[in-house]
């Protein structure tokens, strides 16, 4: 994915292993550079998903649907 590649090229995220589930999706984590670039003391300063998405379950379902379309 080009967005992920761009974040990796800039040193903002790095690979953090693979998911144990089907497909073994790559997991990513943010880096210290991410925190510096966005002026964060820690990741706890970021908003929680619950605070930015009205219905988390609905958002999760929509994201899974989009992911399913991309792999089909």
PDB file of N, CA and C in Angstrom:
ATOM      1  N   UNK A   1       0.846  -1.179   0.000  1.00  0.00           N
ATOM      2  CA  UNK A   1       0.000   0.000   0.000  1.00  0.00           C
ATOM      3  C   UNK A   1       0.889   1.239   0.000  1.00  0.00           C
ATOM      4  N   UNK A   2       0.598   2.195  -0.850  1.00  0.00           N
ATOM      5  CA  UNK A   2       1.481   3.353  -0.998  1.00  0.00           C
ATOM      6  C   UNK A   2       1.491   4.253   0.233  1.00  0.00           C
ATOM      7  N   UNK A   3       0.379   4.353   0.953  1.00  0.00           N
ATOM      8  CA  UNK A   3       0.357   5.178   2.166  1.00  0.00           C
ATOM      9  C   UNK A   3       1.285   4.587   3.221  1.00  0.00           C
ATOM     10  N   UNK A   4       1.213   3.284   3.402  1.00  0.00           N
ATOM     11  CA  UNK A   4       2.073   2.610   4.373  1.00  0.00           C
ATOM     12  C   UNK A   4       3.529   2.735   3.943  1.00  0.00           C
ATOM     13  N   UNK A   5       3.798   2.541   2.662  1.00  0.00           N
ATOM     14  CA  UNK A   5       5.171   2.659   2.160  1.00  0.00           C
ATOM     15  C   UNK A   5       5.717   4.062   2.410  1.00  0.00           C
ATOM     16  N   UNK A   6       4.892   5.070   2.206  1.00  0.00           N
ATOM     17  CA  UNK A   6       5.317   6.449   2.448  1.00  0.00           C
ATOM     18  C   UNK A   6       5.649   6.700   3.908  1.00  0.00           C
ATOM     19  N   UNK A   7       4.829   6.165   4.799  1.00  0.00           N
ATOM     20  CA  UNK A   7       5.092   6.317   6.234  1.00  0.00           C
ATOM     21  C   UNK A   7       6.376   5.595   6.627  1.00  0.00           C
ATOM     22  N   UNK A   8       6.605   4.423   6.032  1.00  0.00           N
ATOM     23  CA  UNK A   8       7.826   3.673   6.335  1.00  0.00           C
ATOM     24  C   UNK A   8       9.055   4.399   5.796  1.00  0.00           C
ATOM     25  N   UNK A   9       8.967   4.922   4.580  1.00  0.00           N
ATOM     26  CA  UNK A   9      10.091   5.649   3.985  1.00  0.00           C
ATOM     27  C   UNK A   9      10.487   6.844   4.834  1.00  0.00           C
ATOM     28  N   UNK A  10       9.515   7.467   5.456  1.00  0.00           N
ATOM     29  CA  UNK A  10       9.771   8.646   6.285  1.00  0.00           C
ATOM     30  C   UNK A  10      10.170   8.284   7.714  1.00  0.00           C
ATOM     31  N   UNK A  11      10.199   6.985   8.012  1.00  0.00           N
ATOM     32  CA  UNK A  11      10.596   6.539   9.341  1.00  0.00           C
ATOM     33  C   UNK A  11       9.539   6.766  10.407  1.00  0.00           C
ATOM     34  N   UNK A  12       8.275   6.922   9.987  1.00  0.00           N
ATOM     35  CA  UNK A  12       7.202   7.193  10.943  1.00  0.00           C
ATOM     36  C   UNK A  12       6.578   5.919  11.501  1.00  0.00           C
ATOM     37  N   UNK A  13       6.670   4.826  10.746  1.00  0.00           N
ATOM     38  CA  UNK A  13       6.199   3.522  11.221  1.00  0.00           C
ATOM     39  C   UNK A  13       7.229   2.467  10.858  1.00  0.00           C
ATOM     40  N   UNK A  14       7.138   1.331  11.522  1.00  0.00           N
ATOM     41  CA  UNK A  14       8.018   0.208  11.239  1.00  0.00           C
ATOM     42  C   UNK A  14       7.232  -1.080  11.436  1.00  0.00           C
ATOM     43  N   UNK A  15       7.685  -2.160  10.816  1.00  0.00           N
ATOM     44  CA  UNK A  15       7.013  -3.442  10.985  1.00  0.00           C
ATOM     45  C   UNK A  15       7.186  -3.926  12.418  1.00  0.00           C
ATOM     46  N   UNK A  16       6.115  -4.555  12.934  1.00  0.00           N
ATOM     47  CA  UNK A  16       6.137  -5.033  14.320  1.00  0.00           C
ATOM     48  C   UNK A  16       5.640  -6.468  14.414  1.00  0.00           C
ATOM     49  N   UNK A  17       5.918  -7.268  13.401  1.00  0.00           N
ATOM     50  CA  UNK A  17       5.512  -8.669  13.421  1.00  0.00           C
ATOM     51  C   UNK A  17       4.334  -8.939  12.510  1.00  0.00           C
ATOM     52  N   UNK A  18       3.775 -10.129  12.673  1.00  0.00           N
ATOM     53  CA  UNK A  18       2.636 -10.547  11.852  1.00  0.00           C
ATOM     54  C   UNK A  18       1.496 -11.018  12.740  1.00  0.00           C
ATOM     55  N   UNK A  19       0.287 -10.842  12.229  1.00  0.00           N
ATOM     56  CA  UNK A  19      -0.912 -11.292  12.922  1.00  0.00           C
ATOM     57  C   UNK A  19      -0.955 -12.813  12.905  1.00  0.00           C
ATOM     58  N   UNK A  20      -1.438 -13.404  13.970  1.00  0.00           N
ATOM     59  CA  UNK A  20      -1.538 -14.859  14.050  1.00  0.00           C
ATOM     60  C   UNK A  20      -2.713 -15.402  13.250  1.00  0.00           C
ATOM     61  N   UNK A  21      -3.647 -14.551  12.887  1.00  0.00           N
ATOM     62  CA  UNK A  21      -4.847 -14.992  12.184  1.00  0.00           C
ATOM     63  C   UNK A  21      -4.583 -15.350  10.735  1.00  0.00           C
ATOM     64  N   UNK A  22      -5.660 -15.687  10.048  1.00  0.00           N
ATOM     65  CA  UNK A  22      -5.584 -16.056   8.634  1.00  0.00           C
ATOM     66  C   UNK A  22      -4.948 -14.930   7.829  1.00  0.00           C
ATOM     67  N   UNK A  23      -4.044 -15.278   6.970  1.00  0.00           N
ATOM     68  CA  UNK A  23      -3.395 -14.292   6.114  1.00  0.00           C
ATOM     69  C   UNK A  23      -2.136 -13.697   6.702  1.00  0.00           C
ATOM     70  N   UNK A  24      -1.978 -13.767   8.012  1.00  0.00           N
ATOM     71  CA  UNK A  24      -0.769 -13.260   8.655  1.00  0.00           C
ATOM     72  C   UNK A  24      -0.447 -11.824   8.307  1.00  0.00           C
ATOM     73  N   UNK A  25      -1.429 -10.939   8.449  1.00  0.00           N
ATOM     74  CA  UNK A  25      -1.240  -9.528   8.112  1.00  0.00           C
ATOM     75  C   UNK A  25      -0.059  -8.936   8.874  1.00  0.00           C
ATOM     76  N   UNK A  26       0.662  -8.058   8.218  1.00  0.00           N
ATOM     77  CA  UNK A  26       1.791  -7.385   8.856  1.00  0.00           C
ATOM     78  C   UNK A  26       1.252  -6.362   9.846  1.00  0.00           C
ATOM     79  N   UNK A  27       1.830  -6.352  11.039  1.00  0.00           N
ATOM     80  CA  UNK A  27       1.486  -5.353  12.051  1.00  0.00           C
ATOM     81  C   UNK A  27       2.524  -4.237  11.984  1.00  0.00           C
ATOM     82  N   UNK A  28       2.084  -3.028  12.232  1.00  0.00           N
ATOM     83  CA  UNK A  28       2.978  -1.878  12.225  1.00  0.00           C
ATOM     84  C   UNK A  28       2.883  -1.153  13.553  1.00  0.00           C
ATOM     85  N   UNK A  29       3.933  -0.433  13.883  1.00  0.00           N
ATOM     86  CA  UNK A  29       3.919   0.414  15.074  1.00  0.00           C
ATOM     87  C   UNK A  29       4.539   1.751  14.702  1.00  0.00           C
ATOM     88  N   UNK A  30       4.186   2.747  15.458  1.00  0.00           N
ATOM     89  CA  UNK A  30       4.774   4.060  15.222  1.00  0.00           C
ATOM     90  C   UNK A  30       6.176   4.094  15.822  1.00  0.00           C
ATOM     91  N   UNK A  31       6.952   5.059  15.381  1.00  0.00           N
ATOM     92  CA  UNK A  31       8.326   5.212  15.854  1.00  0.00           C
ATOM     93  C   UNK A  31       8.450   6.485  16.695  1.00  0.00           C
ATOM     94  N   UNK A  32       9.601   6.637  17.309  1.00  0.00           N
ATOM     95  CA  UNK A  32       9.881   7.867  18.057  1.00  0.00           C
ATOM     96  C   UNK A  32       9.837   9.072  17.116  1.00  0.00           C
ATOM     97  N   UNK A  33      10.233   8.870  15.864  1.00  0.00           N
ATOM     98  CA  UNK A  33      10.177   9.944  14.868  1.00  0.00           C
ATOM     99  C   UNK A  33       8.732  10.412  14.680  1.00  0.00           C
ATOM    100  N   UNK A  34       7.781   9.489  14.671  1.00  0.00           N
ATOM    101  CA  UNK A  34       6.362   9.826  14.555  1.00  0.00           C
ATOM    102  C   UNK A  34       5.975  10.799  15.663  1.00  0.00           C
ATOM    103  N   UNK A  35       6.368  10.467  16.886  1.00  0.00           N
ATOM    104  CA  UNK A  35       6.033  11.324  18.024  1.00  0.00           C
ATOM    105  C   UNK A  35       6.672  12.700  17.879  1.00  0.00           C
ATOM    106  N   UNK A  36       7.927  12.745  17.450  1.00  0.00           N
ATOM    107  CA  UNK A  36       8.607  14.039  17.281  1.00  0.00           C
ATOM    108  C   UNK A  36       7.946  14.875  16.192  1.00  0.00           C
ATOM    109  N   UNK A  37       7.670  14.241  15.049  1.00  0.00           N
ATOM    110  CA  UNK A  37       7.086  14.972  13.919  1.00  0.00           C
ATOM    111  C   UNK A  37       5.738  15.584  14.295  1.00  0.00           C
ATOM    112  N   UNK A  38       4.951  14.842  15.071  1.00  0.00           N
ATOM    113  CA  UNK A  38       3.616  15.317  15.429  1.00  0.00           C
ATOM    114  C   UNK A  38       3.575  16.004  16.794  1.00  0.00           C
ATOM    115  N   UNK A  39       4.747  16.249  17.373  1.00  0.00           N
ATOM    116  CA  UNK A  39       4.831  17.003  18.618  1.00  0.00           C
ATOM    117  C   UNK A  39       4.183  16.320  19.806  1.00  0.00           C
ATOM    118  N   UNK A  40       4.299  15.010  19.872  1.00  0.00           N
ATOM    119  CA  UNK A  40       3.683  14.249  20.956  1.00  0.00           C
ATOM    120  C   UNK A  40       4.724  13.877  22.005  1.00  0.00           C
ATOM    121  N   UNK A  41       4.325  13.942  23.258  1.00  0.00           N
ATOM    122  CA  UNK A  41       5.174  13.433  24.331  1.00  0.00           C
ATOM    123  C   UNK A  41       5.067  11.911  24.389  1.00  0.00           C
ATOM    124  N   UNK A  42       3.862  11.406  24.080  1.00  0.00           N
ATOM    125  CA  UNK A  42       3.627   9.963  24.027  1.00  0.00           C
ATOM    126  C   UNK A  42       2.393   9.706  23.173  1.00  0.00           C
ATOM    127  N   UNK A  43       2.215   8.457  22.782  1.00  0.00           N
ATOM    128  CA  UNK A  43       1.056   8.100  21.960  1.00  0.00           C
ATOM    129  C   UNK A  43      -0.255   8.250  22.718  1.00  0.00           C
ATOM    130  N   UNK A  44      -0.188   8.309  24.030  1.00  0.00           N
ATOM    131  CA  UNK A  44      -1.414   8.476  24.819  1.00  0.00           C
ATOM    132  C   UNK A  44      -2.067   9.833  24.554  1.00  0.00           C
ATOM    133  N   UNK A  45      -1.350  10.752  23.928  1.00  0.00           N
ATOM    134  CA  UNK A  45      -1.919  12.051  23.585  1.00  0.00           C
ATOM    135  C   UNK A  45      -2.816  11.986  22.349  1.00  0.00           C
ATOM    136  N   UNK A  46      -2.729  10.903  21.594  1.00  0.00           N
ATOM    137  CA  UNK A  46      -3.590  10.754  20.422  1.00  0.00           C
ATOM    138  C   UNK A  46      -5.015  10.461  20.872  1.00  0.00           C
ATOM    139  N   UNK A  47      -6.005  10.893  20.087  1.00  0.00           N
ATOM    140  CA  UNK A  47      -7.390  10.583  20.468  1.00  0.00           C
ATOM    141  C   UNK A  47      -7.655   9.090  20.341  1.00  0.00           C
ATOM    142  N   UNK A  48      -8.528   8.601  21.188  1.00  0.00           N
ATOM    143  CA  UNK A  48      -8.936   7.198  21.110  1.00  0.00           C
ATOM    144  C   UNK A  48      -9.880   7.030  19.934  1.00  0.00           C
ATOM    145  N   UNK A  49      -9.898   5.846  19.355  1.00  0.00           N
ATOM    146  CA  UNK A  49     -10.784   5.568  18.234  1.00  0.00           C
ATOM    147  C   UNK A  49     -12.229   5.882  18.602  1.00  0.00           C
ATOM    148  N   UNK A  50     -12.603   5.577  19.837  1.00  0.00           N
ATOM    149  CA  UNK A  50     -13.967   5.849  20.298  1.00  0.00           C
ATOM    150  C   UNK A  50     -14.314   7.334  20.183  1.00  0.00           C
ATOM    151  N   UNK A  51     -13.310   8.198  20.330  1.00  0.00           N
ATOM    152  CA  UNK A  51     -13.544   9.641  20.305  1.00  0.00           C
ATOM    153  C   UNK A  51     -13.646  10.211  18.893  1.00  0.00           C
ATOM    154  N   UNK A  52     -13.088   9.518  17.905  1.00  0.00           N
ATOM    155  CA  UNK A  52     -13.086  10.061  16.542  1.00  0.00           C
ATOM    156  C   UNK A  52     -14.057   9.358  15.613  1.00  0.00           C
ATOM    157  N   UNK A  53     -14.564   8.224  16.013  1.00  0.00           N
ATOM    158  CA  UNK A  53     -15.512   7.486  15.177  1.00  0.00           C
ATOM    159  C   UNK A  53     -16.824   7.348  15.931  1.00  0.00           C
ATOM    160  N   UNK A  54     -17.893   7.758  15.301  1.00  0.00           N
ATOM    161  CA  UNK A  54     -19.193   7.690  15.956  1.00  0.00           C
ATOM    162  C   UNK A  54     -19.526   6.298  16.451  1.00  0.00           C
ATOM    163  N   UNK A  55     -19.560   5.341  15.563  1.00  0.00           N
ATOM    164  CA  UNK A  55     -19.899   3.964  15.914  1.00  0.00           C
ATOM    165  C   UNK A  55     -18.714   3.085  15.534  1.00  0.00           C
ATOM    166  N   UNK A  56     -17.953   2.665  16.521  1.00  0.00           N
ATOM    167  CA  UNK A  56     -16.730   1.907  16.277  1.00  0.00           C
ATOM    168  C   UNK A  56     -17.021   0.610  15.532  1.00  0.00           C
ATOM    169  N   UNK A  57     -18.091  -0.082  15.913  1.00  0.00           N
ATOM    170  CA  UNK A  57     -18.423  -1.341  15.242  1.00  0.00           C
ATOM    171  C   UNK A  57     -18.754  -1.105  13.776  1.00  0.00           C
ATOM    172  N   UNK A  58     -19.483  -0.024  13.485  1.00  0.00           N
ATOM    173  CA  UNK A  58     -19.810   0.310  12.102  1.00  0.00           C
ATOM    174  C   UNK A  58     -18.539   0.627  11.316  1.00  0.00           C
ATOM    175  N   UNK A  59     -17.661   1.418  11.905  1.00  0.00           N
ATOM    176  CA  UNK A  59     -16.396   1.758  11.248  1.00  0.00           C
ATOM    177  C   UNK A  59     -15.573   0.504  10.986  1.00  0.00           C
ATOM    178  N   UNK A  60     -15.496  -0.377  11.977  1.00  0.00           N
ATOM    179  CA  UNK A  60     -14.733  -1.615  11.832  1.00  0.00           C
ATOM    180  C   UNK A  60     -15.301  -2.458  10.691  1.00  0.00           C
ATOM    181  N   UNK A  61     -16.627  -2.585  10.616  1.00  0.00           N
ATOM    182  CA  UNK A  61     -17.258  -3.361   9.549  1.00  0.00           C
ATOM    183  C   UNK A  61     -16.963  -2.756   8.183  1.00  0.00           C
ATOM    184  N   UNK A  62     -17.031  -1.430   8.088  1.00  0.00           N
ATOM    185  CA  UNK A  62     -16.751  -0.765   6.810  1.00  0.00           C
ATOM    186  C   UNK A  62     -15.306  -0.984   6.389  1.00  0.00           C
ATOM    187  N   UNK A  63     -14.381  -0.897   7.342  1.00  0.00           N
ATOM    188  CA  UNK A  63     -12.973  -1.114   7.018  1.00  0.00           C
ATOM    189  C   UNK A  63     -12.726  -2.550   6.568  1.00  0.00           C
ATOM    190  N   UNK A  64     -13.358  -3.514   7.243  1.00  0.00           N
ATOM    191  CA  UNK A  64     -13.214  -4.911   6.842  1.00  0.00           C
ATOM    192  C   UNK A  64     -13.800  -5.142   5.448  1.00  0.00           C
ATOM    193  N   UNK A  65     -14.915  -4.490   5.147  1.00  0.00           N
ATOM    194  CA  UNK A  65     -15.530  -4.636   3.825  1.00  0.00           C
ATOM    195  C   UNK A  65     -14.598  -4.108   2.739  1.00  0.00           C
ATOM    196  N   UNK A  66     -13.996  -2.959   2.989  1.00  0.00           N
ATOM    197  CA  UNK A  66     -13.063  -2.383   2.014  1.00  0.00           C
ATOM    198  C   UNK A  66     -11.854  -3.293   1.844  1.00  0.00           C
ATOM    199  N   UNK A  67     -11.332  -3.798   2.956  1.00  0.00           N
ATOM    200  CA  UNK A  67     -10.180  -4.701   2.887  1.00  0.00           C
ATOM    201  C   UNK A  67     -10.537  -5.955   2.105  1.00  0.00           C
ATOM    202  N   UNK A  68     -11.742  -6.474   2.304  1.00  0.00           N
ATOM    203  CA  UNK A  68     -12.181  -7.660   1.577  1.00  0.00           C
ATOM    204  C   UNK A  68     -12.271  -7.417   0.085  1.00  0.00           C
ATOM    205  N   UNK A  69     -12.699  -6.226  -0.309  1.00  0.00           N
ATOM    206  CA  UNK A  69     -12.789  -5.881  -1.725  1.00  0.00           C
ATOM    207  C   UNK A  69     -11.407  -5.791  -2.353  1.00  0.00           C
ATOM    208  N   UNK A  70     -10.435  -5.314  -1.591  1.00  0.00           N
ATOM    209  CA  UNK A  70      -9.079  -5.143  -2.125  1.00  0.00           C
ATOM    210  C   UNK A  70      -8.380  -6.476  -2.321  1.00  0.00           C
ATOM    211  N   UNK A  71      -8.735  -7.481  -1.515  1.00  0.00           N
ATOM    212  CA  UNK A  71      -8.066  -8.778  -1.628  1.00  0.00           C
ATOM    213  C   UNK A  71      -8.822  -9.734  -2.536  1.00  0.00           C
ATOM    214  N   UNK A  72     -10.043  -9.368  -2.930  1.00  0.00           N
ATOM    215  CA  UNK A  72     -10.858 -10.250  -3.784  1.00  0.00           C
ATOM    216  C   UNK A  72     -10.430 -10.167  -5.232  1.00  0.00           C
TER     217      UNK A  72
END
